[in-house]
N, C-alpha and C. Protein backbone atom coordinates (compact mmCIF):
# COMPACT_ATOMS: atom_id res chain seq x y z
N MET A 1 -17.84 -6.38 -0.53
CA MET A 1 -16.99 -5.10 -0.63
C MET A 1 -17.49 -4.47 -2.03
N SER A 2 -17.57 -3.03 -1.93
CA SER A 2 -17.91 -2.33 -3.02
C SER A 2 -16.61 -2.29 -4.17
N ASN A 3 -17.00 -1.99 -5.38
CA ASN A 3 -15.93 -1.79 -6.29
C ASN A 3 -15.14 -0.42 -6.00
N SER A 4 -15.85 0.61 -5.57
CA SER A 4 -15.17 1.66 -5.30
C SER A 4 -14.06 1.60 -4.36
N LYS A 5 -14.38 0.75 -3.25
CA LYS A 5 -13.65 0.79 -2.19
C LYS A 5 -12.25 -0.25 -2.67
N LYS A 6 -12.41 -1.13 -3.41
CA LYS A 6 -11.31 -1.93 -3.87
C LYS A 6 -10.49 -1.04 -4.94
N LYS A 7 -11.25 -0.33 -5.68
CA LYS A 7 -10.46 0.62 -6.59
C LYS A 7 -9.57 1.52 -5.79
N LEU A 8 -10.22 2.14 -4.67
CA LEU A 8 -9.21 3.16 -3.75
C LEU A 8 -8.20 2.36 -3.12
N GLU A 9 -8.60 1.00 -2.54
CA GLU A 9 -7.29 0.37 -2.10
C GLU A 9 -6.09 0.23 -3.08
N ALA A 10 -6.74 -0.15 -4.21
CA ALA A 10 -5.50 -0.40 -5.40
C ALA A 10 -4.82 0.94 -5.76
N GLU A 11 -5.48 2.09 -5.69
CA GLU A 11 -4.88 3.33 -5.87
C GLU A 11 -3.96 3.72 -4.77
N ILE A 12 -4.36 3.43 -3.64
CA ILE A 12 -3.43 3.73 -2.39
C ILE A 12 -2.17 3.00 -2.50
N SER A 13 -2.36 1.54 -2.87
CA SER A 13 -1.06 0.72 -2.97
C SER A 13 -0.32 1.27 -3.86
N ALA A 14 -0.98 1.46 -5.12
CA ALA A 14 0.05 2.11 -6.36
C ALA A 14 0.79 3.28 -5.73
N ALA A 15 0.20 4.08 -5.31
CA ALA A 15 0.74 5.37 -4.77
C ALA A 15 1.79 5.18 -3.80
N PHE A 16 1.57 4.26 -2.74
CA PHE A 16 2.65 3.88 -1.84
C PHE A 16 3.92 3.39 -2.38
N ILE A 17 3.70 2.41 -3.55
CA ILE A 17 4.81 1.78 -4.27
C ILE A 17 5.56 2.92 -4.87
N LYS A 18 4.90 3.82 -5.56
CA LYS A 18 5.61 4.79 -6.32
C LYS A 18 6.34 5.71 -5.26
N PHE A 19 5.67 6.18 -4.38
CA PHE A 19 6.24 6.99 -3.18
C PHE A 19 7.64 6.56 -2.76
N GLN A 20 7.59 5.31 -2.55
CA GLN A 20 8.88 4.32 -1.89
C GLN A 20 9.86 4.36 -3.02
N ARG A 21 9.47 4.11 -4.09
CA ARG A 21 10.57 3.87 -5.30
C ARG A 21 11.15 5.41 -5.67
N ASP A 22 10.18 6.55 -5.75
CA ASP A 22 10.61 7.85 -5.96
C ASP A 22 11.50 8.31 -5.02
N LEU A 23 11.37 8.35 -3.66
CA LEU A 23 11.82 8.66 -2.57
C LEU A 23 13.32 7.92 -2.10
N ILE A 24 13.15 6.54 -2.41
CA ILE A 24 14.29 5.75 -1.83
C ILE A 24 15.07 5.17 -3.15
N GLY A 25 14.43 5.23 -4.28
CA GLY A 25 15.04 4.50 -5.35
C GLY A 25 14.73 3.01 -5.53
N ARG A 26 14.09 2.55 -4.69
CA ARG A 26 13.67 1.14 -4.83
C ARG A 26 12.42 1.01 -3.74
N GLY A 27 11.82 -0.30 -3.70
CA GLY A 27 10.84 -0.54 -2.88
C GLY A 27 10.23 -1.68 -3.44
N PRO A 28 8.67 -1.98 -2.74
CA PRO A 28 8.23 -3.08 -2.97
C PRO A 28 7.51 -3.19 -4.48
N GLN A 29 7.36 -4.39 -4.81
CA GLN A 29 6.98 -4.78 -6.18
C GLN A 29 5.09 -4.72 -6.11
N GLU A 30 4.80 -5.09 -5.09
CA GLU A 30 3.38 -4.95 -4.83
C GLU A 30 2.99 -4.78 -3.29
N ALA A 31 1.96 -4.18 -2.89
CA ALA A 31 1.50 -4.03 -1.76
C ALA A 31 -0.06 -4.10 -1.79
N LYS A 32 -0.65 -4.22 -0.48
CA LYS A 32 -2.04 -4.40 -0.22
C LYS A 32 -2.49 -3.50 0.64
N THR A 33 -3.33 -2.73 0.47
CA THR A 33 -4.11 -1.88 1.45
C THR A 33 -5.34 -2.35 1.84
N TYR A 34 -5.56 -2.33 3.09
CA TYR A 34 -6.86 -2.64 3.82
C TYR A 34 -7.67 -1.42 4.45
N ILE A 35 -8.73 -1.06 3.81
CA ILE A 35 -9.48 0.11 4.56
C ILE A 35 -10.45 -0.57 5.36
N ILE A 36 -10.32 -0.36 6.76
CA ILE A 36 -11.26 -0.97 7.61
C ILE A 36 -12.35 0.00 7.97
N ARG A 37 -13.50 -0.27 7.85
CA ARG A 37 -14.56 0.79 8.21
C ARG A 37 -14.20 2.07 7.65
N HIS A 38 -14.19 3.02 8.73
CA HIS A 38 -13.97 4.63 8.38
C HIS A 38 -12.82 5.08 8.99
N VAL A 39 -11.54 3.98 9.04
CA VAL A 39 -10.47 4.46 9.48
C VAL A 39 -9.63 5.52 8.63
N ASP A 40 -8.93 6.48 9.38
CA ASP A 40 -8.41 7.50 8.48
C ASP A 40 -6.98 7.16 7.72
N TYR A 41 -6.53 6.04 8.13
CA TYR A 41 -5.21 5.63 7.72
C TYR A 41 -5.02 4.22 7.14
N PRO A 42 -4.43 3.80 6.08
CA PRO A 42 -4.45 2.54 5.39
C PRO A 42 -3.41 1.59 6.44
N PHE A 43 -3.76 0.38 6.22
CA PHE A 43 -2.81 -0.66 6.83
C PHE A 43 -2.04 -1.34 5.55
N GLN A 44 -0.67 -1.18 5.41
CA GLN A 44 -0.15 -1.72 4.29
C GLN A 44 0.51 -2.97 4.63
N ARG A 45 0.48 -4.08 3.77
CA ARG A 45 1.28 -5.30 3.88
C ARG A 45 1.98 -5.44 2.50
N CYS A 46 3.10 -5.36 2.49
CA CYS A 46 3.99 -5.55 1.30
C CYS A 46 4.22 -7.04 0.86
N SER A 47 4.85 -7.25 -0.21
CA SER A 47 4.97 -8.72 -0.67
C SER A 47 6.01 -9.43 0.09
N ASN A 48 6.77 -8.83 0.93
CA ASN A 48 7.91 -9.46 1.74
C ASN A 48 7.19 -9.75 2.85
N GLY A 49 5.89 -9.40 3.31
CA GLY A 49 5.25 -9.57 4.64
C GLY A 49 5.48 -8.66 5.52
N ARG A 50 6.03 -7.75 5.34
CA ARG A 50 6.37 -6.44 6.43
C ARG A 50 5.25 -5.74 6.35
N ARG A 51 5.32 -4.89 7.34
CA ARG A 51 4.05 -4.25 7.68
C ARG A 51 4.27 -2.72 8.04
N LYS A 52 5.68 -2.38 7.92
CA LYS A 52 6.12 -1.05 7.99
C LYS A 52 6.01 -0.26 6.75
N ALA A 53 6.27 0.95 6.95
CA ALA A 53 6.44 1.88 5.58
C ALA A 53 7.52 1.52 4.64
N SER A 54 8.51 1.10 5.30
CA SER A 54 9.71 0.52 4.48
C SER A 54 9.56 -1.09 4.32
N CYS A 55 9.15 -1.08 2.92
CA CYS A 55 8.83 -2.63 2.65
C CYS A 55 10.03 -3.24 1.77
N GLN A 56 11.17 -2.40 1.91
CA GLN A 56 12.26 -3.00 1.10
C GLN A 56 12.61 -4.56 1.38
N SER A 57 13.22 -5.13 0.37
CA SER A 57 13.46 -6.26 0.68
C SER A 57 15.06 -6.31 0.87
């Protein structure tokens, strides 16, 4: 896996967490984004194991 892909995944995860916290006022503490091939949308897995956009505990 290239460093640029890892960096992009990390940036997407950080933006997702910020979006959740800004929108709802709370959200996940960490999230992991997986970019698979050339898929146009990220897959999110939050620290609580949920796979939805709402990763609140």
